[in-house]
Amino acid sequence: MKNLSLKLKEEIYEDTEQVVKKLKIPRNAYINKAIDHYNKVHKRNLLKKKLGKESLLVADDSMEILREFEHLED
């Protein structure tokens, strides 16, 4: 575990406190889960961008191969 000093906007802090009290979980656990979720969302978005760029790079080759396969069926 790493220690971290964190400054939150007052509104975010108050919202967080209300949620953790209702869920009856420690604030630290809640923040860890929130950051983990946030990281997963952003990793997924970065992968989506990367795959999109790579797909564009091979799109012409893929279409050419598809046309060749279509000619083989004839």
C-alpha atoms as a PDB file:
ATOM      1  CA  MET A   1       0.000   0.000   0.000  1.00  0.00           C
ATOM      2  CA  LYS A   2       1.074   3.538  -0.740  1.00  0.00           C
ATOM      3  CA  ASN A   3       0.153   6.550   1.355  1.00  0.00           C
ATOM      4  CA  LEU A   4      -1.285   9.463  -0.537  1.00  0.00           C
ATOM      5  CA  SER A   5      -2.150  12.982   0.470  1.00  0.00           C
ATOM      6  CA  LEU A   6      -5.244  14.088  -1.404  1.00  0.00           C
ATOM      7  CA  LYS A   7      -7.057  17.395  -1.679  1.00  0.00           C
ATOM      8  CA  LEU A   8     -10.724  17.170  -2.649  1.00  0.00           C
ATOM      9  CA  LYS A   9     -13.165  19.895  -3.483  1.00  0.00           C
ATOM     10  CA  GLU A  10     -15.539  20.399  -0.576  1.00  0.00           C
ATOM     11  CA  GLU A  11     -18.552  19.251  -2.598  1.00  0.00           C
ATOM     12  CA  ILE A  12     -16.842  16.038  -3.696  1.00  0.00           C
ATOM     13  CA  TYR A  13     -15.737  15.331  -0.134  1.00  0.00           C
ATOM     14  CA  GLU A  14     -19.253  15.838   1.235  1.00  0.00           C
ATOM     15  CA  ASP A  15     -20.788  13.612  -1.456  1.00  0.00           C
ATOM     16  CA  THR A  16     -18.199  10.941  -0.737  1.00  0.00           C
ATOM     17  CA  GLU A  17     -18.871  11.060   2.981  1.00  0.00           C
ATOM     18  CA  GLN A  18     -22.607  10.635   2.422  1.00  0.00           C
ATOM     19  CA  VAL A  19     -22.075   7.638   0.139  1.00  0.00           C
ATOM     20  CA  VAL A  20     -19.579   5.815   2.357  1.00  0.00           C
ATOM     21  CA  LYS A  21     -21.866   6.250   5.367  1.00  0.00           C
ATOM     22  CA  LYS A  22     -24.794   4.767   3.456  1.00  0.00           C
ATOM     23  CA  LEU A  23     -22.684   1.915   2.085  1.00  0.00           C
ATOM     24  CA  LYS A  24     -21.005   1.401   5.464  1.00  0.00           C
ATOM     25  CA  ILE A  25     -17.563   1.039   3.931  1.00  0.00           C
ATOM     26  CA  PRO A  26     -14.323   2.859   4.736  1.00  0.00           C
ATOM     27  CA  ARG A  27     -13.617   5.997   2.723  1.00  0.00           C
ATOM     28  CA  ASN A  28     -10.261   4.530   1.673  1.00  0.00           C
ATOM     29  CA  ALA A  29     -11.919   1.414   0.197  1.00  0.00           C
ATOM     30  CA  TYR A  30     -14.452   3.554  -1.637  1.00  0.00           C
ATOM     31  CA  ILE A  31     -11.784   5.808  -3.155  1.00  0.00           C
ATOM     32  CA  ASN A  32      -9.671   2.785  -4.144  1.00  0.00           C
ATOM     33  CA  LYS A  33     -12.654   1.230  -5.955  1.00  0.00           C
ATOM     34  CA  ALA A  34     -13.475   4.536  -7.649  1.00  0.00           C
ATOM     35  CA  ILE A  35      -9.925   5.030  -8.928  1.00  0.00           C
ATOM     36  CA  ASP A  36      -9.724   1.409 -10.062  1.00  0.00           C
ATOM     37  CA  HIS A  37     -12.932   1.839 -12.057  1.00  0.00           C
ATOM     38  CA  TYR A  38     -11.725   5.144 -13.519  1.00  0.00           C
ATOM     39  CA  ASN A  39      -8.434   3.531 -14.581  1.00  0.00           C
ATOM     40  CA  LYS A  40     -10.237   0.635 -16.272  1.00  0.00           C
ATOM     41  CA  VAL A  41     -12.488   3.019 -18.217  1.00  0.00           C
ATOM     42  CA  HIS A  42      -9.534   5.039 -19.445  1.00  0.00           C
ATOM     43  CA  LYS A  43      -7.458   1.962 -20.329  1.00  0.00           C
ATOM     44  CA  ARG A  44     -10.402   0.675 -22.360  1.00  0.00           C
ATOM     45  CA  ASN A  45     -10.739   4.030 -24.156  1.00  0.00           C
ATOM     46  CA  LEU A  46      -7.012   4.155 -24.903  1.00  0.00           C
ATOM     47  CA  LEU A  47      -7.141   0.605 -26.294  1.00  0.00           C
ATOM     48  CA  LYS A  48     -10.159   1.523 -28.420  1.00  0.00           C
ATOM     49  CA  LYS A  49      -8.251   4.469 -29.910  1.00  0.00           C
ATOM     50  CA  LYS A  50      -5.178   2.330 -30.558  1.00  0.00           C
ATOM     51  CA  LEU A  51      -7.188  -0.425 -32.227  1.00  0.00           C
ATOM     52  CA  GLY A  52      -9.035   2.152 -34.323  1.00  0.00           C
ATOM     53  CA  LYS A  53      -5.769   3.636 -35.596  1.00  0.00           C
ATOM     54  CA  GLU A  54      -4.282   0.207 -36.309  1.00  0.00           C
ATOM     55  CA  SER A  55      -7.445  -0.887 -38.074  1.00  0.00           C
ATOM     56  CA  LEU A  56      -7.200   2.112 -40.398  1.00  0.00           C
ATOM     57  CA  LEU A  57      -3.587   1.213 -41.167  1.00  0.00           C
ATOM     58  CA  VAL A  58      -4.532  -2.275 -42.417  1.00  0.00           C
ATOM     59  CA  ALA A  59      -7.962  -1.494 -43.878  1.00  0.00           C
ATOM     60  CA  ASP A  60      -6.781  -1.304 -47.506  1.00  0.00           C
ATOM     61  CA  ASP A  61      -4.870  -4.587 -47.223  1.00  0.00           C
ATOM     62  CA  SER A  62      -7.857  -6.266 -45.589  1.00  0.00           C
ATOM     63  CA  MET A  63     -10.181  -5.166 -48.399  1.00  0.00           C
ATOM     64  CA  GLU A  64      -7.726  -6.401 -51.034  1.00  0.00           C
ATOM     65  CA  ILE A  65      -7.517  -9.823 -49.369  1.00  0.00           C
ATOM     66  CA  LEU A  66     -11.323  -9.959 -49.159  1.00  0.00           C
ATOM     67  CA  ARG A  67     -11.602  -9.230 -52.900  1.00  0.00           C
ATOM     68  CA  GLU A  68      -9.092 -12.003 -53.623  1.00  0.00           C
ATOM     69  CA  PHE A  69     -11.123 -14.471 -51.557  1.00  0.00           C
ATOM     70  CA  GLU A  70     -14.298 -13.445 -53.380  1.00  0.00           C
ATOM     71  CA  HIS A  71     -12.627 -14.195 -56.721  1.00  0.00           C
ATOM     72  CA  LEU A  72     -11.592 -17.643 -55.453  1.00  0.00           C
ATOM     73  CA  GLU A  73     -15.248 -18.537 -54.787  1.00  0.00           C
ATOM     74  CA  ASP A  74     -16.235 -17.744 -58.388  1.00  0.00           C
END
